Amino acid sequence: MKSSAKKVGLASVDDLFSTEESRADAQREKVVEIPLSELHNIITMDKRIDKCI
């Protein structure tokens, strides 16, 4: 049996309870502080990748 009702799009809870400014801010690039211990791991991984290439 076919339904005659059309699909209705609903806004998400975040869209309902957030401001335009907060949605725009979520789309912007951000600077993130990374602990040196994690940065060391990234550099080590880059060196391993360079050796493989």
N, C-alpha and C. Protein backbone atom coordinates (compact mmCIF):
# COMPACT_ATOMS: atom_id res chain seq x y z
N MET A 1 0.85 -1.17 0.00
CA MET A 1 0.00 0.00 0.00
C MET A 1 0.90 1.24 0.00
N LYS A 2 0.68 2.15 -0.95
CA LYS A 2 1.49 3.34 -1.05
C LYS A 2 1.00 4.41 -0.08
N SER A 3 1.95 5.12 0.47
CA SER A 3 1.62 6.21 1.37
C SER A 3 1.50 7.50 0.56
N SER A 4 0.47 8.24 0.78
CA SER A 4 0.30 9.49 0.05
C SER A 4 0.99 10.66 0.76
N ALA A 5 1.52 10.41 1.94
CA ALA A 5 2.20 11.47 2.69
C ALA A 5 3.58 11.69 2.11
N LYS A 6 3.96 12.93 1.99
CA LYS A 6 5.30 13.27 1.49
C LYS A 6 6.26 13.33 2.67
N LYS A 7 7.52 13.05 2.39
CA LYS A 7 8.52 13.11 3.44
C LYS A 7 8.71 14.56 3.85
N VAL A 8 8.70 14.79 5.14
CA VAL A 8 8.83 16.13 5.67
C VAL A 8 10.23 16.26 6.28
N GLY A 9 10.95 17.29 5.87
CA GLY A 9 12.29 17.53 6.43
C GLY A 9 12.17 18.28 7.73
N LEU A 10 12.86 17.81 8.73
CA LEU A 10 12.84 18.46 10.04
C LEU A 10 14.22 19.01 10.36
N ALA A 11 14.24 20.14 11.03
CA ALA A 11 15.50 20.74 11.45
C ALA A 11 16.06 19.96 12.62
N SER A 12 17.39 19.92 12.71
CA SER A 12 18.02 19.22 13.83
C SER A 12 17.88 20.06 15.10
N VAL A 13 18.08 19.43 16.23
CA VAL A 13 18.00 20.13 17.52
C VAL A 13 19.05 21.24 17.57
N ASP A 14 20.25 20.96 17.04
CA ASP A 14 21.31 21.98 17.02
C ASP A 14 20.88 23.20 16.22
N ASP A 15 20.21 22.99 15.10
CA ASP A 15 19.74 24.11 14.29
C ASP A 15 18.66 24.91 15.01
N LEU A 16 17.83 24.23 15.75
CA LEU A 16 16.74 24.91 16.45
C LEU A 16 17.24 25.77 17.61
N PHE A 17 18.28 25.29 18.30
CA PHE A 17 18.72 25.97 19.52
C PHE A 17 20.10 26.60 19.39
N SER A 18 20.53 26.92 18.18
CA SER A 18 21.80 27.62 18.01
C SER A 18 21.57 28.91 17.21
N THR A 19 22.49 29.83 17.37
CA THR A 19 22.35 31.10 16.68
C THR A 19 23.09 31.04 15.34
N GLU A 20 22.79 31.97 14.48
CA GLU A 20 23.48 32.05 13.19
C GLU A 20 24.98 32.26 13.41
N GLU A 21 25.32 33.05 14.42
CA GLU A 21 26.73 33.31 14.72
C GLU A 21 27.45 32.03 15.15
N SER A 22 26.82 31.22 15.99
CA SER A 22 27.47 29.99 16.43
C SER A 22 27.60 28.98 15.29
N ARG A 23 26.64 28.94 14.37
CA ARG A 23 26.75 28.06 13.21
C ARG A 23 27.88 28.52 12.29
N ALA A 24 28.02 29.85 12.10
CA ALA A 24 29.10 30.39 11.27
C ALA A 24 30.45 30.12 11.93
N ASP A 25 30.52 30.25 13.25
CA ASP A 25 31.76 30.01 13.98
C ASP A 25 32.19 28.55 13.85
N ALA A 26 31.25 27.64 13.81
CA ALA A 26 31.56 26.21 13.68
C ALA A 26 32.20 25.92 12.32
N GLN A 27 31.93 26.74 11.32
CA GLN A 27 32.48 26.53 9.98
C GLN A 27 33.87 27.13 9.81
N ARG A 28 34.29 28.01 10.70
CA ARG A 28 35.59 28.68 10.58
C ARG A 28 36.73 27.76 10.99
N GLU A 29 37.90 28.02 10.40
CA GLU A 29 39.10 27.30 10.81
C GLU A 29 39.53 27.80 12.19
N LYS A 30 40.11 26.92 12.98
CA LYS A 30 40.53 27.28 14.33
C LYS A 30 41.95 26.82 14.58
N VAL A 31 42.63 27.54 15.44
CA VAL A 31 43.96 27.15 15.89
C VAL A 31 43.80 26.25 17.10
N VAL A 32 44.46 25.10 17.07
CA VAL A 32 44.35 24.14 18.16
C VAL A 32 45.74 23.92 18.74
N GLU A 33 45.84 24.00 20.05
CA GLU A 33 47.11 23.73 20.71
C GLU A 33 47.32 22.23 20.80
N ILE A 34 48.51 21.79 20.38
CA ILE A 34 48.86 20.37 20.41
C ILE A 34 50.02 20.18 21.37
N PRO A 35 49.91 19.26 22.30
CA PRO A 35 51.02 19.00 23.21
C PRO A 35 52.26 18.55 22.43
N LEU A 36 53.44 18.91 22.92
CA LEU A 36 54.67 18.53 22.23
C LEU A 36 54.80 17.03 22.06
N SER A 37 54.30 16.27 23.00
CA SER A 37 54.39 14.81 22.88
C SER A 37 53.64 14.31 21.65
N GLU A 38 52.52 14.91 21.34
CA GLU A 38 51.78 14.52 20.14
C GLU A 38 52.46 15.03 18.88
N LEU A 39 53.05 16.21 18.95
CA LEU A 39 53.75 16.78 17.81
C LEU A 39 54.93 15.90 17.43
N HIS A 40 55.65 15.37 18.42
CA HIS A 40 56.77 14.47 18.16
C HIS A 40 56.29 13.25 17.37
N ASN A 41 55.15 12.70 17.73
CA ASN A 41 54.61 11.54 17.02
C ASN A 41 54.28 11.89 15.58
N ILE A 42 53.79 13.06 15.33
CA ILE A 42 53.46 13.47 13.96
C ILE A 42 54.74 13.60 13.14
N ILE A 43 55.78 14.21 13.70
CA ILE A 43 57.05 14.37 12.99
C ILE A 43 57.65 13.00 12.69
N THR A 44 57.61 12.09 13.64
CA THR A 44 58.14 10.75 13.45
C THR A 44 57.40 10.04 12.33
N MET A 45 56.09 10.18 12.29
CA MET A 45 55.31 9.54 11.24
C MET A 45 55.65 10.13 9.88
N ASP A 46 55.85 11.45 9.80
CA ASP A 46 56.22 12.09 8.54
C ASP A 46 57.55 11.55 8.03
N LYS A 47 58.52 11.35 8.93
CA LYS A 47 59.83 10.81 8.51
C LYS A 47 59.68 9.40 7.98
N ARG A 48 58.84 8.60 8.60
CA ARG A 48 58.62 7.23 8.13
C ARG A 48 57.98 7.24 6.74
N ILE A 49 57.06 8.14 6.54
CA ILE A 49 56.39 8.24 5.24
C ILE A 49 57.38 8.67 4.18
N ASP A 50 58.26 9.65 4.51
CA ASP A 50 59.28 10.10 3.56
C ASP A 50 60.20 8.96 3.15
N LYS A 51 60.53 8.08 4.08
CA LYS A 51 61.41 6.94 3.75
C LYS A 51 60.71 5.98 2.79
N CYS A 52 59.40 5.86 2.90
CA CYS A 52 58.66 4.93 2.04
C CYS A 52 58.50 5.48 0.63
N ILE A 53 58.54 6.80 0.50
CA ILE A 53 58.30 7.41 -0.81
C ILE A 53 59.52 7.45 -1.65
